[in-house]
């Protein structure tokens, strides 16, 4: 099994992330956090609280809106601490990858990859996050795990591709960011 963290660290040094620009959309950023769990590389996810807008009850990476005057990285680190209690000193930033957007909610999101260097102790802000869980990254490398499922978005049902892991369905922007990480790794390991 490849050392996914080492590959991501190396590849993010050599790619020029695409940056989306818009005067009408708000900015946010997230952290795709890798960690070692039982000798395997995992990715960390949050389940959003119900009743918090468009992304209510969805699976996401920690992060959120940028405040005036702050960088995307600072916003991702601040929001990660506010949502799940992980301090920036506990993280090693591996790099930034390609921006993406969610037109429905009016956001451009900048993703960063990081590694959690310590044993996690989470302190959830339950008004925003109801659960933290991890998924072995090897799961996402298996293309047969990427398949369609039905999701409900604001009173409408759609069939969307994503990853079903245990009781969780990971789709939308979070899924696209995972696909970007998989592509980054495959560009080296295939």
C-alpha atoms as a PDB file:
ATOM      1  CA  UNK A   1       0.000   0.000   0.000  1.00  0.00           C
ATOM      2  CA  UNK A   2       1.464   3.396  -0.968  1.00  0.00           C
ATOM      3  CA  UNK A   3       2.237   6.036   1.634  1.00  0.00           C
ATOM      4  CA  UNK A   4      -0.679   8.285   0.630  1.00  0.00           C
ATOM      5  CA  UNK A   5       0.365  11.138   2.901  1.00  0.00           C
ATOM      6  CA  UNK A   6       3.881  11.242   1.438  1.00  0.00           C
ATOM      7  CA  UNK A   7       2.479  11.196  -2.102  1.00  0.00           C
ATOM      8  CA  UNK A   8       0.009  14.012  -1.377  1.00  0.00           C
ATOM      9  CA  UNK A   9       2.717  16.051   0.376  1.00  0.00           C
ATOM     10  CA  UNK A  10       5.041  15.670  -2.617  1.00  0.00           C
ATOM     11  CA  UNK A  11       2.423  16.251  -5.328  1.00  0.00           C
ATOM     12  CA  UNK A  12       0.962  19.373  -3.700  1.00  0.00           C
ATOM     13  CA  UNK A  13       4.443  20.937  -3.856  1.00  0.00           C
ATOM     14  CA  UNK A  14       4.413  20.488  -7.648  1.00  0.00           C
ATOM     15  CA  UNK A  15       0.881  21.406  -8.735  1.00  0.00           C
ATOM     16  CA  UNK A  16      -0.481  24.867  -9.363  1.00  0.00           C
ATOM     17  CA  UNK A  17      -3.939  24.820  -7.772  1.00  0.00           C
ATOM     18  CA  UNK A  18      -6.711  26.321  -9.869  1.00  0.00           C
ATOM     19  CA  UNK A  19      -8.156  29.388  -8.190  1.00  0.00           C
ATOM     20  CA  UNK A  20     -11.748  30.438  -8.785  1.00  0.00           C
ATOM     21  CA  UNK A  21     -12.622  34.134  -8.644  1.00  0.00           C
ATOM     22  CA  UNK A  22     -16.057  35.723  -8.380  1.00  0.00           C
ATOM     23  CA  UNK A  23     -17.314  39.066  -7.142  1.00  0.00           C
ATOM     24  CA  UNK A  24     -20.736  37.618  -6.372  1.00  0.00           C
ATOM     25  CA  UNK A  25     -19.796  34.448  -4.453  1.00  0.00           C
ATOM     26  CA  UNK A  26     -18.595  34.206  -0.870  1.00  0.00           C
ATOM     27  CA  UNK A  27     -15.302  32.501   0.071  1.00  0.00           C
ATOM     28  CA  UNK A  28     -14.767  29.541   2.374  1.00  0.00           C
ATOM     29  CA  UNK A  29     -12.057  26.970   2.971  1.00  0.00           C
ATOM     30  CA  UNK A  30     -11.779  23.446   4.340  1.00  0.00           C
ATOM     31  CA  UNK A  31      -9.152  21.010   5.637  1.00  0.00           C
ATOM     32  CA  UNK A  32      -8.946  17.472   4.296  1.00  0.00           C
ATOM     33  CA  UNK A  33      -7.272  15.981   7.369  1.00  0.00           C
ATOM     34  CA  UNK A  34      -5.302  12.761   7.066  1.00  0.00           C
ATOM     35  CA  UNK A  35      -4.424  10.722  10.147  1.00  0.00           C
ATOM     36  CA  UNK A  36      -2.895   7.386  10.978  1.00  0.00           C
ATOM     37  CA  UNK A  37      -5.329   4.968  12.585  1.00  0.00           C
ATOM     38  CA  UNK A  38      -4.312   1.389  13.357  1.00  0.00           C
ATOM     39  CA  UNK A  39      -1.475   1.602  10.821  1.00  0.00           C
ATOM     40  CA  UNK A  40      -3.756   2.858   8.014  1.00  0.00           C
ATOM     41  CA  UNK A  41      -4.136   6.285   6.467  1.00  0.00           C
ATOM     42  CA  UNK A  42      -7.614   7.697   7.144  1.00  0.00           C
ATOM     43  CA  UNK A  43      -9.450  10.886   6.178  1.00  0.00           C
ATOM     44  CA  UNK A  44     -11.414  12.770   8.836  1.00  0.00           C
ATOM     45  CA  UNK A  45     -14.998  13.897   8.229  1.00  0.00           C
ATOM     46  CA  UNK A  46     -17.681  15.788  10.103  1.00  0.00           C
ATOM     47  CA  UNK A  47     -21.405  15.362   9.959  1.00  0.00           C
ATOM     48  CA  UNK A  48     -23.038  18.771   9.893  1.00  0.00           C
ATOM     49  CA  UNK A  49     -25.835  19.563  12.335  1.00  0.00           C
ATOM     50  CA  UNK A  50     -29.444  19.651  11.119  1.00  0.00           C
ATOM     51  CA  UNK A  51     -31.079  23.000  10.482  1.00  0.00           C
ATOM     52  CA  UNK A  52     -27.979  24.972   9.450  1.00  0.00           C
ATOM     53  CA  UNK A  53     -28.904  25.840   5.867  1.00  0.00           C
ATOM     54  CA  UNK A  54     -28.094  24.223   2.538  1.00  0.00           C
ATOM     55  CA  UNK A  55     -25.461  21.857   3.942  1.00  0.00           C
ATOM     56  CA  UNK A  56     -27.517  20.689   6.894  1.00  0.00           C
ATOM     57  CA  UNK A  57     -26.862  17.064   7.952  1.00  0.00           C
ATOM     58  CA  UNK A  58     -24.270  16.550   5.195  1.00  0.00           C
ATOM     59  CA  UNK A  59     -20.836  14.968   5.452  1.00  0.00           C
ATOM     60  CA  UNK A  60     -18.020  17.488   5.070  1.00  0.00           C
ATOM     61  CA  UNK A  61     -14.449  18.349   5.859  1.00  0.00           C
ATOM     62  CA  UNK A  62     -13.969  20.805   8.735  1.00  0.00           C
ATOM     63  CA  UNK A  63     -13.969  24.423   7.595  1.00  0.00           C
ATOM     64  CA  UNK A  64     -16.171  27.350   6.799  1.00  0.00           C
ATOM     65  CA  UNK A  65     -16.519  30.958   5.702  1.00  0.00           C
ATOM     66  CA  UNK A  66     -13.607  33.329   5.479  1.00  0.00           C
ATOM     67  CA  UNK A  67     -13.871  36.437   7.611  1.00  0.00           C
ATOM     68  CA  UNK A  68     -12.861  39.848   6.306  1.00  0.00           C
ATOM     69  CA  UNK A  69      -9.098  40.175   6.054  1.00  0.00           C
ATOM     70  CA  UNK A  70      -8.221  36.536   6.701  1.00  0.00           C
ATOM     71  CA  UNK A  71      -6.536  34.117   4.315  1.00  0.00           C
ATOM     72  CA  UNK A  72      -8.162  30.890   3.161  1.00  0.00           C
ATOM     73  CA  UNK A  73      -5.700  28.851   5.232  1.00  0.00           C
ATOM     74  CA  UNK A  74      -6.323  30.888   8.365  1.00  0.00           C
ATOM     75  CA  UNK A  75     -10.089  30.471   7.896  1.00  0.00           C
ATOM     76  CA  UNK A  76      -9.742  26.683   7.488  1.00  0.00           C
ATOM     77  CA  UNK A  77      -7.606  26.430  10.640  1.00  0.00           C
ATOM     78  CA  UNK A  78      -9.879  28.741  12.669  1.00  0.00           C
ATOM     79  CA  UNK A  79     -13.037  26.927  11.581  1.00  0.00           C
ATOM     80  CA  UNK A  80     -11.475  23.512  12.267  1.00  0.00           C
ATOM     81  CA  UNK A  81     -10.670  24.599  15.804  1.00  0.00           C
ATOM     82  CA  UNK A  82     -14.145  26.111  16.309  1.00  0.00           C
ATOM     83  CA  UNK A  83     -15.968  23.066  14.904  1.00  0.00           C
ATOM     84  CA  UNK A  84     -13.992  20.122  16.290  1.00  0.00           C
ATOM     85  CA  UNK A  85     -11.421  21.559  18.718  1.00  0.00           C
ATOM     86  CA  UNK A  86      -8.274  20.621  16.758  1.00  0.00           C
ATOM     87  CA  UNK A  87      -5.580  23.284  17.222  1.00  0.00           C
ATOM     88  CA  UNK A  88      -3.408  24.449  14.323  1.00  0.00           C
ATOM     89  CA  UNK A  89      -0.327  23.284  16.275  1.00  0.00           C
ATOM     90  CA  UNK A  90      -1.668  19.713  16.002  1.00  0.00           C
ATOM     91  CA  UNK A  91      -1.695  19.884  12.207  1.00  0.00           C
ATOM     92  CA  UNK A  92       0.922  19.834   9.471  1.00  0.00           C
ATOM     93  CA  UNK A  93      -0.355  21.557   6.339  1.00  0.00           C
ATOM     94  CA  UNK A  94       0.545  19.447   3.299  1.00  0.00           C
ATOM     95  CA  UNK A  95      -0.640  22.003   0.743  1.00  0.00           C
ATOM     96  CA  UNK A  96      -3.515  23.460  -1.160  1.00  0.00           C
ATOM     97  CA  UNK A  97      -5.366  21.876  -4.041  1.00  0.00           C
ATOM     98  CA  UNK A  98      -7.974  23.058  -6.601  1.00  0.00           C
ATOM     99  CA  UNK A  99     -10.792  25.448  -5.663  1.00  0.00           C
ATOM    100  CA  UNK A 100     -14.350  24.369  -6.348  1.00  0.00           C
ATOM    101  CA  UNK A 101     -17.737  26.012  -5.943  1.00  0.00           C
ATOM    102  CA  UNK A 102     -21.269  25.374  -4.763  1.00  0.00           C
ATOM    103  CA  UNK A 103     -23.460  27.746  -6.795  1.00  0.00           C
ATOM    104  CA  UNK A 104     -26.609  26.749  -4.874  1.00  0.00           C
ATOM    105  CA  UNK A 105     -25.220  28.194  -1.639  1.00  0.00           C
ATOM    106  CA  UNK A 106     -23.077  30.845  -3.364  1.00  0.00           C
ATOM    107  CA  UNK A 107     -19.623  29.732  -2.180  1.00  0.00           C
ATOM    108  CA  UNK A 108     -16.178  29.224  -3.671  1.00  0.00           C
ATOM    109  CA  UNK A 109     -14.232  26.839  -1.437  1.00  0.00           C
ATOM    110  CA  UNK A 110     -10.462  26.508  -1.175  1.00  0.00           C
ATOM    111  CA  UNK A 111      -9.288  23.093   0.095  1.00  0.00           C
ATOM    112  CA  UNK A 112      -6.103  22.298   1.981  1.00  0.00           C
ATOM    113  CA  UNK A 113      -4.721  18.893   2.874  1.00  0.00           C
ATOM    114  CA  UNK A 114      -3.249  18.418   6.354  1.00  0.00           C
ATOM    115  CA  UNK A 115      -2.068  15.639   8.626  1.00  0.00           C
ATOM    116  CA  UNK A 116      -3.130  15.360  12.246  1.00  0.00           C
ATOM    117  CA  UNK A 117       0.143  14.876  14.122  1.00  0.00           C
ATOM    118  CA  UNK A 118      -1.350  14.007  17.510  1.00  0.00           C
ATOM    119  CA  UNK A 119      -3.862  11.551  18.941  1.00  0.00           C
ATOM    120  CA  UNK A 120      -7.188  13.314  18.324  1.00  0.00           C
ATOM    121  CA  UNK A 121      -9.235  14.689  21.184  1.00  0.00           C
ATOM    122  CA  UNK A 122     -12.309  16.304  19.711  1.00  0.00           C
ATOM    123  CA  UNK A 123     -14.415  19.048  21.246  1.00  0.00           C
ATOM    124  CA  UNK A 124     -17.423  19.426  18.957  1.00  0.00           C
ATOM    125  CA  UNK A 125     -19.387  22.619  18.529  1.00  0.00           C
ATOM    126  CA  UNK A 126     -22.683  20.717  18.426  1.00  0.00           C
ATOM    127  CA  UNK A 127     -24.601  23.629  16.911  1.00  0.00           C
ATOM    128  CA  UNK A 128     -22.531  22.988  13.743  1.00  0.00           C
ATOM    129  CA  UNK A 129     -21.125  19.449  13.954  1.00  0.00           C
ATOM    130  CA  UNK A 130     -22.835  16.404  15.467  1.00  0.00           C
ATOM    131  CA  UNK A 131     -20.193  13.776  14.732  1.00  0.00           C
ATOM    132  CA  UNK A 132     -16.585  13.212  13.662  1.00  0.00           C
ATOM    133  CA  UNK A 133     -15.556   9.982  11.961  1.00  0.00           C
ATOM    134  CA  UNK A 134     -12.772   8.655   9.753  1.00  0.00           C
ATOM    135  CA  UNK A 135     -12.659   6.529   6.610  1.00  0.00           C
ATOM    136  CA  UNK A 136      -9.604   4.557   5.427  1.00  0.00           C
ATOM    137  CA  UNK A 137      -8.219   6.366   2.390  1.00  0.00           C
ATOM    138  CA  UNK A 138      -7.760   3.000   0.653  1.00  0.00           C
ATOM    139  CA  UNK A 139     -11.588   2.861   0.454  1.00  0.00           C
ATOM    140  CA  UNK A 140     -11.595   5.899  -1.860  1.00  0.00           C
ATOM    141  CA  UNK A 141      -8.862   4.416  -4.055  1.00  0.00           C
ATOM    142  CA  UNK A 142     -11.188   1.517  -4.942  1.00  0.00           C
ATOM    143  CA  UNK A 143     -13.216   2.852  -7.877  1.00  0.00           C
ATOM    144  CA  UNK A 144     -16.001   0.316  -7.247  1.00  0.00           C
ATOM    145  CA  UNK A 145     -16.897   2.277  -4.074  1.00  0.00           C
ATOM    146  CA  UNK A 146     -17.811   5.374  -6.125  1.00  0.00           C
ATOM    147  CA  UNK A 147     -21.438   4.849  -7.172  1.00  0.00           C
ATOM    148  CA  UNK A 148     -24.853   6.505  -7.339  1.00  0.00           C
ATOM    149  CA  UNK A 149     -27.321   6.955  -4.494  1.00  0.00           C
ATOM    150  CA  UNK A 150     -30.430   9.059  -3.900  1.00  0.00           C
ATOM    151  CA  UNK A 151     -30.074  12.317  -1.950  1.00  0.00           C
ATOM    152  CA  UNK A 152     -32.539  14.958  -0.863  1.00  0.00           C
ATOM    153  CA  UNK A 153     -31.674  18.594  -1.528  1.00  0.00           C
ATOM    154  CA  UNK A 154     -34.212  21.205  -0.426  1.00  0.00           C
ATOM    155  CA  UNK A 155     -37.342  19.082  -0.935  1.00  0.00           C
ATOM    156  CA  UNK A 156     -36.095  17.481  -4.172  1.00  0.00           C
ATOM    157  CA  UNK A 157     -34.551  14.044  -4.662  1.00  0.00           C
ATOM    158  CA  UNK A 158     -31.650  13.419  -7.017  1.00  0.00           C
ATOM    159  CA  UNK A 159     -29.410  10.500  -7.950  1.00  0.00           C
ATOM    160  CA  UNK A 160     -25.808  11.548  -7.346  1.00  0.00           C
ATOM    161  CA  UNK A 161     -22.511   9.675  -7.418  1.00  0.00           C
ATOM    162  CA  UNK A 162     -20.627   9.418  -4.158  1.00  0.00           C
ATOM    163  CA  UNK A 163     -19.228   7.060  -1.554  1.00  0.00           C
ATOM    164  CA  UNK A 164     -21.322   5.050   0.875  1.00  0.00           C
ATOM    165  CA  UNK A 165     -19.247   4.081   3.885  1.00  0.00           C
ATOM    166  CA  UNK A 166     -20.998   2.477   6.845  1.00  0.00           C
ATOM    167  CA  UNK A 167     -24.080   4.679   7.491  1.00  0.00           C
ATOM    168  CA  UNK A 168     -22.606   7.721   5.701  1.00  0.00           C
ATOM    169  CA  UNK A 169     -23.083   8.898   2.123  1.00  0.00           C
ATOM    170  CA  UNK A 170     -20.300  11.279   1.052  1.00  0.00           C
ATOM    171  CA  UNK A 171     -21.295  13.316  -1.992  1.00  0.00           C
ATOM    172  CA  UNK A 172     -21.240  16.800  -3.487  1.00  0.00           C
ATOM    173  CA  UNK A 173     -18.297  19.102  -2.929  1.00  0.00           C
ATOM    174  CA  UNK A 174     -16.692  16.857  -0.310  1.00  0.00           C
ATOM    175  CA  UNK A 175     -16.805  13.976  -2.788  1.00  0.00           C
ATOM    176  CA  UNK A 176     -15.282  16.162  -5.523  1.00  0.00           C
ATOM    177  CA  UNK A 177     -12.429  17.101  -3.187  1.00  0.00           C
ATOM    178  CA  UNK A 178     -11.834  13.408  -2.414  1.00  0.00           C
ATOM    179  CA  UNK A 179     -11.806  12.688  -6.156  1.00  0.00           C
ATOM    180  CA  UNK A 180      -9.178  15.429  -6.575  1.00  0.00           C
ATOM    181  CA  UNK A 181      -7.003  13.799  -3.914  1.00  0.00           C
ATOM    182  CA  UNK A 182      -7.440  10.390  -5.557  1.00  0.00           C
ATOM    183  CA  UNK A 183      -6.451  11.909  -8.928  1.00  0.00           C
ATOM    184  CA  UNK A 184      -3.383  13.538  -7.359  1.00  0.00           C
ATOM    185  CA  UNK A 185      -2.304  10.173  -5.934  1.00  0.00           C
ATOM    186  CA  UNK A 186      -3.094   8.228  -9.108  1.00  0.00           C
ATOM    187  CA  UNK A 187      -0.997  10.625 -11.163  1.00  0.00           C
ATOM    188  CA  UNK A 188       2.003   9.194  -9.285  1.00  0.00           C
ATOM    189  CA  UNK A 189       1.063   5.619  -8.403  1.00  0.00           C
ATOM    190  CA  UNK A 190      -0.570   4.402 -11.626  1.00  0.00           C
END
